[in-house]
Amino acid sequence: MKRLIILLAAAMLLLLAGCSKAVGGSYRLEYITSDGVRLPPSNLGMNISFELSEDGIGTAVYGSTPMDITWVEEGSEVVVTSPYAELRFSRDGDNLILHDNGTLLFFTPVEEEEDDRKN
């Protein structure tokens, strides 16, 4: 469990990125799978989201703490870099997935209407 929490914190630091202009926008951590078990982030007290700009910069938010990130597409991966680490994500349709030793973090796009309701 401690490893999973550390992984989630690292993901927050780097949060996701996009593979092309079509990837820009808002994303949030939708669910996590570990050892075949699917967990909602709320069960772990995790609230992770990010905003990706088409110019390769963005902001990741873990809880209420924002962090500047950059992102680029490298082949079939999206590489997100923060001041603390570099994470590589794969794409599954519109979703971005972080892989780490059997643990997967699934990030899904947030619709603009949903963003507007939060403001």
C-alpha atoms as a PDB file:
ATOM      1  CA  MET A   1       0.000   0.000   0.000  1.00  0.00           C
ATOM      2  CA  LYS A   2       2.838   2.384   0.833  1.00  0.00           C
ATOM      3  CA  ARG A   3       4.371   1.758  -2.613  1.00  0.00           C
ATOM      4  CA  LEU A   4       1.016   2.527  -4.239  1.00  0.00           C
ATOM      5  CA  ILE A   5       0.709   5.805  -2.341  1.00  0.00           C
ATOM      6  CA  ILE A   6       4.261   6.776  -3.325  1.00  0.00           C
ATOM      7  CA  LEU A   7       3.465   5.925  -6.942  1.00  0.00           C
ATOM      8  CA  LEU A   8       0.323   8.060  -6.825  1.00  0.00           C
ATOM      9  CA  ALA A   9       2.219  10.955  -5.330  1.00  0.00           C
ATOM     10  CA  ALA A  10       4.835  10.667  -8.089  1.00  0.00           C
ATOM     11  CA  ALA A  11       2.063  10.616 -10.662  1.00  0.00           C
ATOM     12  CA  MET A  12       0.695  13.816  -9.194  1.00  0.00           C
ATOM     13  CA  LEU A  13       4.057  15.431  -9.490  1.00  0.00           C
ATOM     14  CA  LEU A  14       4.317  14.678 -13.137  1.00  0.00           C
ATOM     15  CA  LEU A  15       0.837  14.253 -14.120  1.00  0.00           C
ATOM     16  CA  LEU A  16      -0.127  13.334 -17.448  1.00  0.00           C
ATOM     17  CA  ALA A  17       0.557  14.695 -20.748  1.00  0.00           C
ATOM     18  CA  GLY A  18      -0.688  14.485 -24.234  1.00  0.00           C
ATOM     19  CA  CYS A  19       0.467  12.946 -27.435  1.00  0.00           C
ATOM     20  CA  SER A  20      -0.728  15.636 -29.789  1.00  0.00           C
ATOM     21  CA  LYS A  21      -2.833  18.745 -29.953  1.00  0.00           C
ATOM     22  CA  ALA A  22      -5.877  16.488 -29.611  1.00  0.00           C
ATOM     23  CA  VAL A  23      -4.643  15.437 -26.161  1.00  0.00           C
ATOM     24  CA  GLY A  24      -4.676  18.928 -24.692  1.00  0.00           C
ATOM     25  CA  GLY A  25      -7.314  19.600 -22.062  1.00  0.00           C
ATOM     26  CA  SER A  26      -8.235  18.494 -18.564  1.00  0.00           C
ATOM     27  CA  TYR A  27      -7.746  14.998 -17.127  1.00  0.00           C
ATOM     28  CA  ARG A  28      -8.406  13.334 -13.781  1.00  0.00           C
ATOM     29  CA  LEU A  29      -7.415  10.079 -12.129  1.00  0.00           C
ATOM     30  CA  GLU A  30     -10.437   7.857 -12.680  1.00  0.00           C
ATOM     31  CA  TYR A  31      -9.260   4.566 -11.157  1.00  0.00           C
ATOM     32  CA  ILE A  32      -6.251   2.459 -10.190  1.00  0.00           C
ATOM     33  CA  THR A  33      -5.637  -1.246 -10.637  1.00  0.00           C
ATOM     34  CA  SER A  34      -3.140  -3.075  -8.459  1.00  0.00           C
ATOM     35  CA  ASP A  35      -2.729  -6.849  -8.237  1.00  0.00           C
ATOM     36  CA  GLY A  36      -5.930  -7.236 -10.262  1.00  0.00           C
ATOM     37  CA  VAL A  37      -7.980  -5.081  -7.875  1.00  0.00           C
ATOM     38  CA  ARG A  38      -9.679  -1.945  -9.190  1.00  0.00           C
ATOM     39  CA  LEU A  39      -9.710   0.934  -6.714  1.00  0.00           C
ATOM     40  CA  PRO A  40     -11.343   4.346  -6.923  1.00  0.00           C
ATOM     41  CA  PRO A  41      -8.841   7.081  -5.989  1.00  0.00           C
ATOM     42  CA  SER A  42     -11.207   8.308  -3.277  1.00  0.00           C
ATOM     43  CA  ASN A  43     -10.584   5.059  -1.345  1.00  0.00           C
ATOM     44  CA  LEU A  44      -6.949   6.161  -1.038  1.00  0.00           C
ATOM     45  CA  GLY A  45      -7.666   9.837  -0.445  1.00  0.00           C
ATOM     46  CA  MET A  46      -6.226  10.717  -3.864  1.00  0.00           C
ATOM     47  CA  ASN A  47      -7.535  13.628  -5.908  1.00  0.00           C
ATOM     48  CA  ILE A  48      -5.268  14.023  -8.934  1.00  0.00           C
ATOM     49  CA  SER A  49      -6.015  16.098 -12.023  1.00  0.00           C
ATOM     50  CA  PHE A  50      -4.134  18.057 -14.635  1.00  0.00           C
ATOM     51  CA  GLU A  51      -4.507  20.548 -17.432  1.00  0.00           C
ATOM     52  CA  LEU A  52      -2.470  20.194 -20.619  1.00  0.00           C
ATOM     53  CA  SER A  53      -1.933  23.087 -22.984  1.00  0.00           C
ATOM     54  CA  GLU A  54      -1.250  22.572 -26.660  1.00  0.00           C
ATOM     55  CA  ASP A  55       2.099  24.350 -26.270  1.00  0.00           C
ATOM     56  CA  GLY A  56       3.570  21.488 -24.203  1.00  0.00           C
ATOM     57  CA  ILE A  57       3.138  23.024 -20.755  1.00  0.00           C
ATOM     58  CA  GLY A  58       0.541  22.356 -18.101  1.00  0.00           C
ATOM     59  CA  THR A  59      -0.428  22.157 -14.474  1.00  0.00           C
ATOM     60  CA  ALA A  60      -0.891  19.074 -12.304  1.00  0.00           C
ATOM     61  CA  VAL A  61      -2.941  19.236  -9.124  1.00  0.00           C
ATOM     62  CA  TYR A  62      -2.704  16.770  -6.251  1.00  0.00           C
ATOM     63  CA  GLY A  63      -5.374  17.558  -3.696  1.00  0.00           C
ATOM     64  CA  SER A  64      -5.226  21.343  -3.827  1.00  0.00           C
ATOM     65  CA  THR A  65      -1.501  21.687  -4.589  1.00  0.00           C
ATOM     66  CA  PRO A  66      -0.704  22.779  -8.176  1.00  0.00           C
ATOM     67  CA  MET A  67       2.584  22.071  -9.942  1.00  0.00           C
ATOM     68  CA  ASP A  68       3.937  23.205 -13.313  1.00  0.00           C
ATOM     69  CA  ILE A  69       4.667  20.382 -15.758  1.00  0.00           C
ATOM     70  CA  THR A  70       5.793  19.974 -19.355  1.00  0.00           C
ATOM     71  CA  TRP A  71       4.856  17.207 -21.769  1.00  0.00           C
ATOM     72  CA  VAL A  72       5.911  15.784 -25.125  1.00  0.00           C
ATOM     73  CA  GLU A  73       4.967  12.902 -27.350  1.00  0.00           C
ATOM     74  CA  GLU A  74       7.705  10.292 -27.879  1.00  0.00           C
ATOM     75  CA  GLY A  75       6.497   7.597 -30.232  1.00  0.00           C
ATOM     76  CA  SER A  76       3.503   5.898 -28.637  1.00  0.00           C
ATOM     77  CA  GLU A  77       4.232   7.390 -25.215  1.00  0.00           C
ATOM     78  CA  VAL A  78       3.482  10.677 -23.543  1.00  0.00           C
ATOM     79  CA  VAL A  79       6.330  11.916 -21.357  1.00  0.00           C
ATOM     80  CA  VAL A  80       5.470  14.262 -18.509  1.00  0.00           C
ATOM     81  CA  THR A  81       8.202  16.097 -16.646  1.00  0.00           C
ATOM     82  CA  SER A  82       8.002  17.995 -13.374  1.00  0.00           C
ATOM     83  CA  PRO A  83      10.796  19.484 -11.281  1.00  0.00           C
ATOM     84  CA  TYR A  84      10.904  16.132  -9.431  1.00  0.00           C
ATOM     85  CA  ALA A  85      10.572  13.325 -11.984  1.00  0.00           C
ATOM     86  CA  GLU A  86       9.743  12.101 -15.464  1.00  0.00           C
ATOM     87  CA  LEU A  87       6.804   9.757 -16.105  1.00  0.00           C
ATOM     88  CA  ARG A  88       5.882   7.877 -19.269  1.00  0.00           C
ATOM     89  CA  PHE A  89       2.250   7.215 -20.108  1.00  0.00           C
ATOM     90  CA  SER A  90       0.625   5.093 -22.792  1.00  0.00           C
ATOM     91  CA  ARG A  91      -2.590   6.007 -24.586  1.00  0.00           C
ATOM     92  CA  ASP A  92      -5.771   3.982 -24.686  1.00  0.00           C
ATOM     93  CA  GLY A  93      -8.123   5.952 -26.887  1.00  0.00           C
ATOM     94  CA  ASP A  94      -8.564   9.295 -25.137  1.00  0.00           C
ATOM     95  CA  ASN A  95      -7.250   7.935 -21.824  1.00  0.00           C
ATOM     96  CA  LEU A  96      -3.707   8.131 -20.475  1.00  0.00           C
ATOM     97  CA  ILE A  97      -2.287   5.252 -18.445  1.00  0.00           C
ATOM     98  CA  LEU A  98       0.703   5.192 -16.119  1.00  0.00           C
ATOM     99  CA  HIS A  99       2.261   1.714 -15.736  1.00  0.00           C
ATOM    100  CA  ASP A 100       4.422   0.732 -12.765  1.00  0.00           C
ATOM    101  CA  ASN A 101       5.224  -2.880 -11.845  1.00  0.00           C
ATOM    102  CA  GLY A 102       1.669  -4.174 -12.213  1.00  0.00           C
ATOM    103  CA  THR A 103      -0.041  -1.027 -10.935  1.00  0.00           C
ATOM    104  CA  LEU A 104      -1.939   1.033 -13.501  1.00  0.00           C
ATOM    105  CA  LEU A 105      -3.291   4.553 -13.034  1.00  0.00           C
ATOM    106  CA  PHE A 106      -6.038   5.471 -15.520  1.00  0.00           C
ATOM    107  CA  PHE A 107      -6.586   9.142 -16.336  1.00  0.00           C
ATOM    108  CA  THR A 108      -9.642  10.185 -18.332  1.00  0.00           C
ATOM    109  CA  PRO A 109     -10.489  13.459 -20.072  1.00  0.00           C
ATOM    110  CA  VAL A 110     -12.805  15.842 -18.249  1.00  0.00           C
ATOM    111  CA  GLU A 111     -15.471  17.311 -20.490  1.00  0.00           C
ATOM    112  CA  GLU A 112     -15.553  21.105 -20.744  1.00  0.00           C
ATOM    113  CA  GLU A 113     -19.109  21.183 -19.378  1.00  0.00           C
ATOM    114  CA  GLU A 114     -17.923  19.265 -16.305  1.00  0.00           C
ATOM    115  CA  ASP A 115     -15.045  21.749 -15.892  1.00  0.00           C
ATOM    116  CA  ASP A 116     -17.506  24.647 -16.052  1.00  0.00           C
ATOM    117  CA  ARG A 117     -19.693  23.128 -13.302  1.00  0.00           C
ATOM    118  CA  LYS A 118     -16.694  23.059 -10.952  1.00  0.00           C
ATOM    119  CA  ASN A 119     -16.063  26.797 -11.395  1.00  0.00           C
END
